[in-house]
């Protein structure tokens, strides 16, 4: 039993407990090249946040991890078999209901622990809710947390199912990784220089972007690299959760 994990707890434990922070892992259901499973983002979100919650509790945090949301926004992958899309408007309604439920139970701090780049609607959700709820809501995109050490650990850049993500999955769930079936993660540029250089943003049509659905070469991935990256990001995120847990969101100038 993991004491931070609501799925593992019984009513006898929860009814007398007080939790300061609720954390919701959010993933996606989509292909991750030929060597990682469709549930990669959901696995990462839950398993990485497990480590974060465990470390945060050691630092004195009162945190409860809610069940993982296994779907994400895949509207640019609907022509790829069994990529399951949930539109942002639907997600907004689901998350609003979660916020309302937590508020009924006296929780005023919510962490959206995200593993999918296509879920970038989460920040607009925070903006919308900031005027409608007393809940403090924040987003953790865990894969971005170690950018400053990335080049010290990995050889190749990673966009989707590349070296970093594969290494992390080798650390978290190695039985699900088939590295001998991996493609090189080659991706096609668009015809527009402005898009290729990041000056203009689009929703990339994934079927035309990558033959394997991977973007980034995973062939140098190792479990050791994944553990090294996790050893950097988990303490950073756990420290934030612990600090948030101990903060009073009702202070006039919070979070400043």
Foldseek 3Di string as FASTA:
>chain_A
DQVQEPVPDDCVVPVPDDAAEEEEFEFAQDDFFDWFHRQLFQLCSVQLVSLLVVLLVVVPHRYHYYYYHRHEADVLAVVPPPGDHDDPVNVLVVVVVVQVVVVVVVHQEYEYEGADPRRPCVVVSQVVCVVPDSHHYDYHHLVPQPPVCVVVQDDKDFDGNAAQSLLLCCQRPVVRGDLVRGDQQQFDDDPDPCVVVPVDDDDDNQVRTTVRSTHYGRNPHHNVSSVVSSVPRSVVSSVVSNVSRPDDSPPPDPPD
